[in-house]
C-alpha atoms as a PDB file:
ATOM      1  CA  MET A   1     -39.311  -9.132 -23.418  1.00  0.00           C
ATOM      2  CA  ARG A   2     -38.012  -7.908 -20.076  1.00  0.00           C
ATOM      3  CA  ARG A   3     -37.324 -11.479 -18.970  1.00  0.00           C
ATOM      4  CA  HIS A   4     -35.337 -12.196 -22.162  1.00  0.00           C
ATOM      5  CA  THR A   5     -33.266  -9.038 -21.702  1.00  0.00           C
ATOM      6  CA  MET A   6     -32.483  -9.983 -18.109  1.00  0.00           C
ATOM      7  CA  LEU A   7     -31.536 -13.548 -19.121  1.00  0.00           C
ATOM      8  CA  ALA A   8     -29.312 -12.257 -21.923  1.00  0.00           C
ATOM      9  CA  THR A   9     -27.595  -9.862 -19.521  1.00  0.00           C
ATOM     10  CA  LEU A  10     -26.990 -12.646 -16.990  1.00  0.00           C
ATOM     11  CA  ALA A  11     -25.596 -14.894 -19.732  1.00  0.00           C
ATOM     12  CA  VAL A  12     -23.125 -12.208 -20.856  1.00  0.00           C
ATOM     13  CA  LEU A  13     -22.047 -11.471 -17.283  1.00  0.00           C
ATOM     14  CA  THR A  14     -21.313 -15.126 -16.579  1.00  0.00           C
ATOM     15  CA  LEU A  15     -19.200 -15.695 -19.709  1.00  0.00           C
ATOM     16  CA  PRO A  16     -15.470 -15.662 -19.050  1.00  0.00           C
ATOM     17  CA  SER A  17     -13.744 -12.628 -20.485  1.00  0.00           C
ATOM     18  CA  ALA A  18     -10.819 -13.231 -22.839  1.00  0.00           C
ATOM     19  CA  ALA A  19      -9.054 -10.130 -21.441  1.00  0.00           C
ATOM     20  CA  ALA A  20      -9.330 -11.206 -17.795  1.00  0.00           C
ATOM     21  CA  PRO A  21      -6.275 -13.089 -16.557  1.00  0.00           C
ATOM     22  CA  ALA A  22      -6.743 -16.424 -14.886  1.00  0.00           C
ATOM     23  CA  SER A  23      -6.812 -16.355 -11.120  1.00  0.00           C
ATOM     24  CA  ALA A  24      -3.668 -18.503 -11.041  1.00  0.00           C
ATOM     25  CA  GLU A  25      -1.817 -15.787 -12.990  1.00  0.00           C
ATOM     26  CA  LEU A  26      -2.803 -13.128 -10.457  1.00  0.00           C
ATOM     27  CA  ILE A  27      -1.825 -15.358  -7.579  1.00  0.00           C
ATOM     28  CA  GLY A  28       1.531 -15.999  -9.266  1.00  0.00           C
ATOM     29  CA  GLN A  29       2.195 -12.262  -9.504  1.00  0.00           C
ATOM     30  CA  THR A  30       0.988 -11.686  -5.952  1.00  0.00           C
ATOM     31  CA  ALA A  31       3.514 -14.289  -4.754  1.00  0.00           C
ATOM     32  CA  GLU A  32       6.097 -11.478  -4.967  1.00  0.00           C
ATOM     33  CA  LEU A  33       4.296  -9.934  -1.999  1.00  0.00           C
ATOM     34  CA  ALA A  34       4.443 -13.121   0.133  1.00  0.00           C
ATOM     35  CA  PHE A  35       7.394 -11.763   2.121  1.00  0.00           C
ATOM     36  CA  PHE A  36       5.049  -9.280   3.820  1.00  0.00           C
ATOM     37  CA  GLU A  37       2.355 -11.757   4.905  1.00  0.00           C
ATOM     38  CA  GLY A  38       1.915 -11.933   8.658  1.00  0.00           C
ATOM     39  CA  SER A  39       1.991  -9.582  11.623  1.00  0.00           C
ATOM     40  CA  TRP A  40       4.714  -7.022  12.242  1.00  0.00           C
ATOM     41  CA  ALA A  41       5.717  -4.749  15.136  1.00  0.00           C
ATOM     42  CA  CYS A  42       7.012  -1.378  13.934  1.00  0.00           C
ATOM     43  CA  THR A  43       8.901   1.530  15.507  1.00  0.00           C
ATOM     44  CA  GLY A  44       9.792   4.819  13.893  1.00  0.00           C
ATOM     45  CA  ARG A  45       9.679   8.568  13.778  1.00  0.00           C
ATOM     46  CA  ARG A  46       8.147  11.397  11.792  1.00  0.00           C
ATOM     47  CA  PHE A  47      10.668  14.144  11.122  1.00  0.00           C
ATOM     48  CA  ALA A  48      10.189  17.658  12.500  1.00  0.00           C
ATOM     49  CA  THR A  49       8.678  20.299  10.215  1.00  0.00           C
ATOM     50  CA  PRO A  50       7.920  23.971  10.824  1.00  0.00           C
ATOM     51  CA  GLN A  51       4.411  22.860  11.874  1.00  0.00           C
ATOM     52  CA  ILE A  52       5.212  19.867  14.145  1.00  0.00           C
ATOM     53  CA  SER A  53       8.058  18.577  16.271  1.00  0.00           C
ATOM     54  CA  GLU A  54       9.597  15.159  15.686  1.00  0.00           C
ATOM     55  CA  GLN A  55       7.307  12.319  16.769  1.00  0.00           C
ATOM     56  CA  GLN A  56       8.312   8.816  17.831  1.00  0.00           C
ATOM     57  CA  PHE A  57       5.750   6.078  17.238  1.00  0.00           C
ATOM     58  CA  THR A  58       5.094   2.366  17.491  1.00  0.00           C
ATOM     59  CA  ALA A  59       2.660   0.520  15.265  1.00  0.00           C
ATOM     60  CA  ASN A  60       1.263  -2.859  14.335  1.00  0.00           C
ATOM     61  CA  CYS A  61       1.056  -3.853  10.705  1.00  0.00           C
ATOM     62  CA  ASP A  62      -0.841  -6.907   9.479  1.00  0.00           C
ATOM     63  CA  PHE A  63      -0.716  -8.282   5.938  1.00  0.00           C
ATOM     64  CA  THR A  64      -3.275 -10.956   5.051  1.00  0.00           C
ATOM     65  CA  SER A  65      -4.223 -12.682   1.832  1.00  0.00           C
ATOM     66  CA  ALA A  66      -7.534 -11.474   0.381  1.00  0.00           C
ATOM     67  CA  ALA A  67      -9.829 -12.316  -2.542  1.00  0.00           C
ATOM     68  CA  GLY A  68      -8.582 -15.861  -2.908  1.00  0.00           C
ATOM     69  CA  GLY A  69      -4.926 -14.836  -2.874  1.00  0.00           C
ATOM     70  CA  ALA A  70      -5.199 -12.211  -5.631  1.00  0.00           C
ATOM     71  CA  TRP A  71      -4.688  -9.311  -3.175  1.00  0.00           C
ATOM     72  CA  LEU A  72      -2.825  -8.596   0.034  1.00  0.00           C
ATOM     73  CA  GLU A  73      -4.795  -6.611   2.605  1.00  0.00           C
ATOM     74  CA  THR A  74      -2.705  -4.313   4.784  1.00  0.00           C
ATOM     75  CA  ARG A  75      -3.759  -2.813   8.100  1.00  0.00           C
ATOM     76  CA  TYR A  76      -1.320  -0.393   9.702  1.00  0.00           C
ATOM     77  CA  ALA A  77      -2.197   1.125  13.099  1.00  0.00           C
ATOM     78  CA  GLU A  78       0.001   3.321  15.249  1.00  0.00           C
ATOM     79  CA  GLU A  79      -0.425   3.231  19.007  1.00  0.00           C
ATOM     80  CA  LEU A  80      -1.844   6.168  20.942  1.00  0.00           C
ATOM     81  CA  THR A  81       0.857   7.522  23.269  1.00  0.00           C
ATOM     82  CA  ALA A  82       1.844  10.848  24.809  1.00  0.00           C
ATOM     83  CA  ALA A  83       4.485  11.167  22.070  1.00  0.00           C
ATOM     84  CA  ASN A  84       1.943  10.268  19.362  1.00  0.00           C
ATOM     85  CA  PRO A  85      -1.392  11.838  20.395  1.00  0.00           C
ATOM     86  CA  VAL A  86      -2.970  11.418  16.939  1.00  0.00           C
ATOM     87  CA  PRO A  87      -1.934   7.969  15.674  1.00  0.00           C
ATOM     88  CA  LEU A  88      -2.127   7.153  11.992  1.00  0.00           C
ATOM     89  CA  THR A  89      -4.144   4.205  10.700  1.00  0.00           C
ATOM     90  CA  ILE A  90      -4.009   3.030   7.092  1.00  0.00           C
ATOM     91  CA  GLN A  91      -5.824   0.286   5.220  1.00  0.00           C
ATOM     92  CA  GLU A  92      -4.560  -0.837   1.812  1.00  0.00           C
ATOM     93  CA  PHE A  93      -5.040  -3.533  -0.780  1.00  0.00           C
ATOM     94  CA  TRP A  94      -1.894  -4.537  -2.696  1.00  0.00           C
ATOM     95  CA  GLY A  95      -2.169  -6.506  -5.926  1.00  0.00           C
ATOM     96  CA  PHE A  96      -1.150  -6.917  -9.528  1.00  0.00           C
ATOM     97  CA  ASP A  97      -2.904  -5.001 -12.319  1.00  0.00           C
ATOM     98  CA  ALA A  98      -2.428  -7.467 -15.186  1.00  0.00           C
ATOM     99  CA  PRO A  99      -3.546  -5.159 -18.051  1.00  0.00           C
ATOM    100  CA  ALA A 100      -1.154  -2.433 -16.864  1.00  0.00           C
ATOM    101  CA  GLY A 101       1.606  -4.934 -16.051  1.00  0.00           C
ATOM    102  CA  GLN A 102       2.356  -3.405 -12.657  1.00  0.00           C
ATOM    103  CA  TYR A 103       1.411  -3.613  -9.014  1.00  0.00           C
ATOM    104  CA  ARG A 104      -1.135  -1.220  -7.527  1.00  0.00           C
ATOM    105  CA  THR A 105      -2.292  -0.344  -4.066  1.00  0.00           C
ATOM    106  CA  ARG A 106      -5.236   1.721  -2.952  1.00  0.00           C
ATOM    107  CA  ARG A 107      -4.881   3.279   0.474  1.00  0.00           C
ATOM    108  CA  VAL A 108      -7.157   5.151   2.845  1.00  0.00           C
ATOM    109  CA  SER A 109      -6.313   6.643   6.217  1.00  0.00           C
ATOM    110  CA  ASN A 110      -7.943   8.135   9.296  1.00  0.00           C
ATOM    111  CA  PHE A 111      -6.655  11.550   8.130  1.00  0.00           C
ATOM    112  CA  SER A 112      -9.155  11.494   5.241  1.00  0.00           C
ATOM    113  CA  THR A 113      -6.437  10.809   2.701  1.00  0.00           C
ATOM    114  CA  ALA A 114      -6.771   8.294  -0.087  1.00  0.00           C
ATOM    115  CA  GLY A 115      -4.505   7.458  -2.969  1.00  0.00           C
ATOM    116  CA  THR A 116      -3.473   4.927  -5.550  1.00  0.00           C
ATOM    117  CA  PHE A 117       0.181   3.932  -5.796  1.00  0.00           C
ATOM    118  CA  GLU A 118       2.046   1.855  -8.400  1.00  0.00           C
ATOM    119  CA  ALA A 119       5.136  -0.364  -8.224  1.00  0.00           C
ATOM    120  CA  SER A 120       7.169  -2.558 -10.566  1.00  0.00           C
ATOM    121  CA  GLY A 121       7.935  -5.207  -7.942  1.00  0.00           C
ATOM    122  CA  TRP A 122      11.145  -6.061  -6.130  1.00  0.00           C
ATOM    123  CA  VAL A 123      14.351  -4.472  -7.441  1.00  0.00           C
ATOM    124  CA  ASP A 124      17.125  -6.130  -5.466  1.00  0.00           C
ATOM    125  CA  GLN A 125      15.833  -5.764  -1.890  1.00  0.00           C
ATOM    126  CA  GLU A 126      13.639  -2.699  -2.502  1.00  0.00           C
ATOM    127  CA  TRP A 127       9.960  -2.259  -3.298  1.00  0.00           C
ATOM    128  CA  THR A 128       8.879   1.296  -4.162  1.00  0.00           C
ATOM    129  CA  TRP A 129       5.272   2.489  -4.288  1.00  0.00           C
ATOM    130  CA  THR A 130       4.854   5.819  -6.135  1.00  0.00           C
ATOM    131  CA  THR A 131       2.045   8.195  -7.051  1.00  0.00           C
ATOM    132  CA  ASP A 132       1.995  11.453  -8.988  1.00  0.00           C
ATOM    133  CA  LYS A 133      -0.359  13.180  -6.546  1.00  0.00           C
ATOM    134  CA  PHE A 134      -1.046  12.411  -2.914  1.00  0.00           C
ATOM    135  CA  PRO A 135      -3.435  14.765  -1.098  1.00  0.00           C
ATOM    136  CA  MET A 136      -1.882  16.188   2.066  1.00  0.00           C
ATOM    137  CA  GLY A 137      -4.032  19.079   3.225  1.00  0.00           C
ATOM    138  CA  ASP A 138      -3.737  21.925   0.727  1.00  0.00           C
ATOM    139  CA  ILE A 139      -1.080  20.217  -1.406  1.00  0.00           C
ATOM    140  CA  ALA A 140      -0.920  17.059  -3.512  1.00  0.00           C
ATOM    141  CA  PRO A 141       2.751  16.334  -4.220  1.00  0.00           C
ATOM    142  CA  PRO A 142       4.225  13.212  -5.792  1.00  0.00           C
ATOM    143  CA  MET A 143       4.857  10.659  -3.064  1.00  0.00           C
ATOM    144  CA  ARG A 144       6.725   7.398  -2.690  1.00  0.00           C
ATOM    145  CA  ALA A 145       7.056   4.748  -0.021  1.00  0.00           C
ATOM    146  CA  LEU A 146      10.346   2.878  -0.236  1.00  0.00           C
ATOM    147  CA  TYR A 147      10.315  -0.558   1.443  1.00  0.00           C
ATOM    148  CA  ARG A 148      13.708  -2.207   2.080  1.00  0.00           C
ATOM    149  CA  ARG A 149      13.895  -5.898   2.924  1.00  0.00           C
ATOM    150  CA  ILE A 150      16.545  -6.140   5.638  1.00  0.00           C
ATOM    151  CA  GLY A 151      16.257  -9.874   6.258  1.00  0.00           C
ATOM    152  CA  PRO A 152      13.657 -12.638   6.306  1.00  0.00           C
ATOM    153  CA  ASP A 153      11.907 -11.073   9.318  1.00  0.00           C
ATOM    154  CA  LYS A 154      12.560  -7.329   9.005  1.00  0.00           C
ATOM    155  CA  PHE A 155      11.864  -4.447   6.654  1.00  0.00           C
ATOM    156  CA  ALA A 156      12.236  -0.670   6.782  1.00  0.00           C
ATOM    157  CA  VAL A 157      10.045   2.004   5.194  1.00  0.00           C
ATOM    158  CA  GLN A 158      10.831   5.565   4.211  1.00  0.00           C
ATOM    159  CA  PRO A 159       7.896   7.610   2.880  1.00  0.00           C
ATOM    160  CA  ALA A 160       8.860  10.778   1.007  1.00  0.00           C
ATOM    161  CA  ILE A 161       7.327  13.595  -1.000  1.00  0.00           C
ATOM    162  CA  GLN A 162       8.930  15.212  -4.018  1.00  0.00           C
ATOM    163  CA  ASP A 163       9.738  18.883  -3.691  1.00  0.00           C
ATOM    164  CA  SER A 164       9.359  21.451  -6.493  1.00  0.00           C
ATOM    165  CA  GLY A 165      12.975  20.807  -7.543  1.00  0.00           C
ATOM    166  CA  GLY A 166      12.311  17.086  -8.056  1.00  0.00           C
ATOM    167  CA  LYS A 167      14.202  15.945  -4.945  1.00  0.00           C
ATOM    168  CA  TRP A 168      12.667  13.314  -2.649  1.00  0.00           C
ATOM    169  CA  GLN A 169      12.257  14.549   0.931  1.00  0.00           C
ATOM    170  CA  ALA A 170      11.635  11.808   3.503  1.00  0.00           C
ATOM    171  CA  PHE A 171       9.132  12.813   6.175  1.00  0.00           C
ATOM    172  CA  ALA A 172       9.318   9.657   8.300  1.00  0.00           C
ATOM    173  CA  GLU A 173      11.151   6.382   8.725  1.00  0.00           C
ATOM    174  CA  PHE A 174      10.285   3.163  10.477  1.00  0.00           C
ATOM    175  CA  SER A 175      11.269  -0.470  10.649  1.00  0.00           C
ATOM    176  CA  CYS A 176       9.125  -3.533  11.269  1.00  0.00           C
ATOM    177  CA  ASP A 177      10.012  -6.907  12.801  1.00  0.00           C
ATOM    178  CA  ARG A 178       7.960 -10.030  12.217  1.00  0.00           C
ATOM    179  CA  LYS A 179       6.018 -11.027  15.339  1.00  0.00           C
END
């Protein structure tokens, strides 16, 4: 009896699901992300707040195809310098959520933050990741990361949180050049 149950379970798990999109469909949607593939050198700054002074930083950002081309793995790592004594590192997976009809990314950082962001894809030369709640210490405001394609080998990023009045407040800006 146990053997038959296990065989039946294995048979069900190996059947293709009608709801699951074909791998080629996912890869087709992920092609919108192809611009980012490769290694990038980034420079930028975090804006001053009442808690910290403005910080300049440099970083490396690598985007590589993952899971047979269905996802784009992102590794962002700032360099340790006197001006940036606690560098940020982020790892993300960018891909297309076919049932939801939108792009999603899941990110984790060395500051013990994690979040899921959504995007519609390119609108003109902009790609915007957004989330309703992003944990930042004692608060979890809406957050966005606006990516602007400046040319074939350059993009700029402006992360921002939404204040209580609904206005987006950028807290950093940086640009990246293809290596």
